[in-house]
Amino acid sequence: MSRETWNTRYNERELLWSAEPNEFLVTETQQLTPGRALDIGAGEGRNALWLAGRGWQVTAVDFSDVAIAKGREGARHRGVEVEWVIADLQTYIPTERSFDLVIEFYIHIPEPWRPQVWRRAADAVAEGGTLLVVGHDLSNLEKGHGGPQDPAALFTPQDVVTAIEGLDVLKAEQVIRHVDGRVAIDALVRARRGSSLR
């Protein structure tokens, strides 16, 4: 969808998504020490705000200026600081090896851009840092609830793994999420960049 379409969607209601952080972000980061975090495709910033509230220094990127404006307001309301960046993920290139945590949640841009975005996200992970990618799994189309209905917009954990060379994959699996009493099937990949020997 275009920036204009997303801006229209974000203008339709106070919050398009929940104000609460994604459940997999909470569980997968609970043992991590706060540092620098990058939220790629941050939307209204629910995950970025949650991380900032737990001591992370967060940069949040999205191409919707309406979503970013809502994120800024959320940061003011919560009394946290987040660096907000308006950028198209198809051209945005984060600084390499600069973030202790890079997250990308429910970004379903089409080929050929999707693997490039995953590679750039992986490249942004610092030594000892973590990459966490979560999105609607391809199997959700027939077996789950919600999410894009175009199979070209969906992916599998293996699709992500193939794109993120140079990181050690700790987890690559389908996970279940309960939505309005129904089951949604997501792809979850967690990977880490090992530290160089000195």
Protein backbone atom coordinates (compact mmCIF):
# COMPACT_ATOMS: atom_id res chain seq x y z
CA MET A 1 0.00 0.00 0.00
CA SER A 2 1.08 3.55 -0.63
CA ARG A 3 2.03 6.13 1.99
CA GLU A 4 -1.21 7.98 1.25
CA THR A 5 -3.27 4.83 1.84
CA TRP A 6 -1.54 4.18 5.17
CA ASN A 7 -1.94 7.81 6.22
CA THR A 8 -5.66 7.53 5.49
CA ARG A 9 -5.89 4.33 7.55
CA TYR A 10 -4.01 5.90 10.47
CA ASN A 11 -6.32 8.95 10.33
CA GLU A 12 -9.45 6.81 10.57
CA ARG A 13 -9.18 6.23 14.32
CA GLU A 14 -7.19 7.26 17.35
CA LEU A 15 -5.02 4.14 17.21
CA LEU A 16 -5.07 1.73 14.28
CA TRP A 17 -3.23 -0.91 16.33
CA SER A 18 -3.19 -1.75 20.04
CA ALA A 19 -1.31 0.52 22.42
CA GLU A 20 0.20 -2.56 24.04
CA PRO A 21 3.49 -4.04 22.80
CA ASN A 22 3.47 -7.21 20.73
CA GLU A 23 3.46 -10.27 22.99
CA PHE A 24 6.46 -11.81 21.21
CA LEU A 25 8.51 -8.65 21.71
CA VAL A 26 7.86 -8.87 25.44
CA THR A 27 8.78 -12.55 25.76
CA GLU A 28 11.75 -12.54 23.39
CA THR A 29 13.45 -9.46 24.90
CA GLN A 30 12.85 -9.96 28.61
CA GLN A 31 16.39 -11.28 29.19
CA LEU A 32 18.13 -8.62 27.07
CA THR A 33 20.06 -5.72 28.58
CA PRO A 34 18.75 -2.40 27.26
CA GLY A 35 20.95 -0.63 24.74
CA ARG A 36 20.30 0.89 21.31
CA ALA A 37 17.19 -0.42 19.53
CA LEU A 38 15.86 0.07 16.01
CA ASP A 39 12.16 -0.47 15.24
CA ILE A 40 11.75 -0.87 11.46
CA GLY A 41 8.19 -0.21 10.33
CA ALA A 42 7.23 1.15 13.73
CA GLY A 43 3.76 2.38 12.82
CA GLU A 44 2.29 4.31 15.76
CA GLY A 45 5.17 3.18 17.91
CA ARG A 46 3.64 0.74 20.38
CA ASN A 47 6.77 -1.44 20.44
CA ALA A 48 9.18 1.49 20.34
CA LEU A 49 7.39 3.19 23.25
CA TRP A 50 7.41 0.00 25.30
CA LEU A 51 11.16 -0.46 24.72
CA ALA A 52 11.88 3.19 25.56
CA GLY A 53 9.94 2.78 28.79
CA ARG A 54 12.29 -0.06 29.72
CA GLY A 55 15.46 1.92 29.22
CA TRP A 56 16.22 1.29 25.55
CA GLN A 57 17.52 4.12 23.37
CA VAL A 58 15.10 3.68 20.45
CA THR A 59 15.04 4.80 16.83
CA ALA A 60 11.63 4.18 15.22
CA VAL A 61 11.22 4.26 11.44
CA ASP A 62 8.04 4.35 9.36
CA PHE A 63 7.00 5.96 6.09
CA SER A 64 3.67 7.25 7.40
CA ASP A 65 4.03 10.75 8.79
CA VAL A 66 0.61 10.34 10.44
CA ALA A 67 1.78 7.23 12.31
CA ILE A 68 5.01 8.95 13.34
CA ALA A 69 3.04 11.97 14.63
CA LYS A 70 0.94 9.61 16.75
CA GLY A 71 4.13 7.96 18.02
CA ARG A 72 5.58 11.33 19.01
CA GLU A 73 2.38 12.14 20.90
CA GLY A 74 2.54 8.76 22.63
CA ALA A 75 6.13 9.42 23.68
CA ARG A 76 5.16 12.81 25.13
CA HIS A 77 2.24 11.23 26.97
CA ARG A 78 4.45 8.48 28.45
CA GLY A 79 7.40 10.74 29.17
CA VAL A 80 9.87 8.73 27.08
CA GLU A 81 12.29 9.69 24.35
CA VAL A 82 12.33 8.05 20.92
CA GLU A 83 14.10 9.19 17.76
CA TRP A 84 11.39 9.20 15.07
CA VAL A 85 12.41 8.83 11.42
CA ILE A 86 10.07 9.16 8.43
CA ALA A 87 11.51 6.96 5.70
CA ASP A 88 10.46 4.48 3.04
CA LEU A 89 11.74 1.03 4.03
CA GLN A 90 12.48 0.22 0.40
CA THR A 91 15.24 2.84 0.43
CA TYR A 92 16.07 3.26 4.14
CA ILE A 93 19.52 1.95 5.05
CA PRO A 94 20.29 1.93 8.80
CA THR A 95 23.84 2.35 10.03
CA GLU A 96 25.57 -1.02 9.98
CA ARG A 97 26.34 -2.85 13.23
CA SER A 98 24.95 -0.03 15.36
CA PHE A 99 22.00 -1.50 17.28
CA ASP A 100 21.81 -3.98 20.14
CA LEU A 101 18.26 -4.86 19.11
CA VAL A 102 16.64 -4.57 15.70
CA ILE A 103 12.96 -5.42 15.40
CA GLU A 104 10.67 -5.70 12.40
CA PHE A 105 7.06 -6.60 13.12
CA TYR A 106 4.36 -7.29 10.52
CA ILE A 107 6.08 -5.62 7.59
CA HIS A 108 4.62 -7.24 4.50
CA ILE A 109 6.16 -5.34 1.63
CA PRO A 110 6.39 -7.21 -1.67
CA GLU A 111 9.29 -8.87 -3.40
CA PRO A 112 11.96 -7.96 -4.31
CA TRP A 113 12.13 -5.43 -1.47
CA ARG A 114 11.31 -7.71 1.46
CA PRO A 115 14.60 -9.72 1.53
CA GLN A 116 16.55 -6.47 1.10
CA VAL A 117 14.83 -4.97 4.13
CA TRP A 118 15.63 -8.10 6.16
CA ARG A 119 19.28 -7.99 5.04
CA ARG A 120 19.58 -4.32 5.97
CA ALA A 121 18.00 -5.05 9.34
CA ALA A 122 20.49 -7.85 9.93
CA ASP A 123 23.37 -5.61 8.88
CA ALA A 124 22.29 -3.05 11.49
CA VAL A 125 22.73 -5.53 14.38
CA ALA A 126 25.82 -4.81 16.48
CA GLU A 127 28.15 -7.47 17.84
CA GLY A 128 26.28 -9.38 20.53
CA GLY A 129 23.02 -7.84 19.32
CA THR A 130 19.67 -9.41 18.44
CA LEU A 131 17.40 -9.32 15.40
CA LEU A 132 13.73 -10.13 15.91
CA VAL A 133 11.38 -10.49 12.92
CA VAL A 134 7.70 -11.36 13.35
CA GLY A 135 4.99 -11.39 10.70
CA HIS A 136 2.00 -13.24 9.35
CA ASP A 137 3.09 -16.71 8.25
CA LEU A 138 2.18 -17.99 4.80
CA SER A 139 0.14 -20.78 6.43
CA ASN A 140 -2.06 -18.17 8.12
CA LEU A 141 -3.80 -17.59 4.80
CA GLU A 142 -5.57 -20.97 4.97
CA LYS A 143 -5.26 -21.99 8.61
CA GLY A 144 -5.28 -18.74 10.59
CA HIS A 145 -7.17 -15.51 11.18
CA GLY A 146 -6.48 -12.01 9.88
CA GLY A 147 -3.45 -10.63 8.14
CA PRO A 148 -2.92 -10.01 4.43
CA GLN A 149 -4.97 -12.19 2.11
CA ASP A 150 -2.40 -12.04 -0.68
CA PRO A 151 0.07 -14.96 -0.46
CA ALA A 152 2.74 -12.77 -2.07
CA ALA A 153 2.64 -10.53 1.02
CA LEU A 154 3.22 -13.41 3.46
CA PHE A 155 6.40 -15.26 4.38
CA THR A 156 7.83 -18.19 6.31
CA PRO A 157 10.58 -18.29 8.94
CA GLN A 158 12.88 -19.89 6.37
CA ASP A 159 12.39 -16.93 4.01
CA VAL A 160 13.83 -14.67 6.71
CA VAL A 161 16.65 -17.06 7.58
CA THR A 162 17.73 -17.19 3.94
CA ALA A 163 18.05 -13.40 3.84
CA ILE A 164 19.99 -12.78 7.06
CA GLU A 165 23.39 -14.32 6.43
CA GLY A 166 26.02 -13.50 9.02
CA LEU A 167 23.78 -13.92 12.05
CA ASP A 168 23.36 -16.98 14.25
CA VAL A 169 19.72 -18.07 14.11
CA LEU A 170 18.45 -18.88 17.60
CA LYS A 171 14.82 -19.44 16.70
CA ALA A 172 12.93 -19.77 13.41
CA GLU A 173 9.42 -21.09 13.85
CA GLN A 174 5.71 -20.69 13.44
CA VAL A 175 4.03 -19.27 16.54
CA ILE A 176 0.39 -19.01 17.53
CA ARG A 177 -1.27 -15.77 18.54
CA HIS A 178 -4.84 -15.51 19.80
CA VAL A 179 -6.87 -12.70 18.25
CA ASP A 180 -10.51 -12.09 19.17
CA GLY A 181 -10.96 -15.73 20.16
CA ARG A 182 -9.36 -16.98 16.95
CA VAL A 183 -5.91 -18.32 16.11
CA ALA A 184 -3.39 -16.43 13.98
CA ILE A 185 -0.20 -18.08 12.76
CA ASP A 186 2.92 -15.94 12.71
CA ALA A 187 6.48 -16.48 11.55
CA LEU A 188 9.07 -15.63 14.22
CA VAL A 189 12.82 -15.41 13.72
CA ARG A 190 15.28 -14.46 16.43
CA ALA A 191 18.96 -14.21 15.53
CA ARG A 192 22.14 -12.88 17.10
CA ARG A 193 25.41 -11.47 15.84
CA GLY A 194 28.26 -13.17 17.65
CA SER A 195 31.10 -11.13 19.08
CA SER A 196 34.39 -11.04 17.20
CA LEU A 197 37.36 -12.72 18.85
CA ARG A 198 40.02 -10.23 19.85
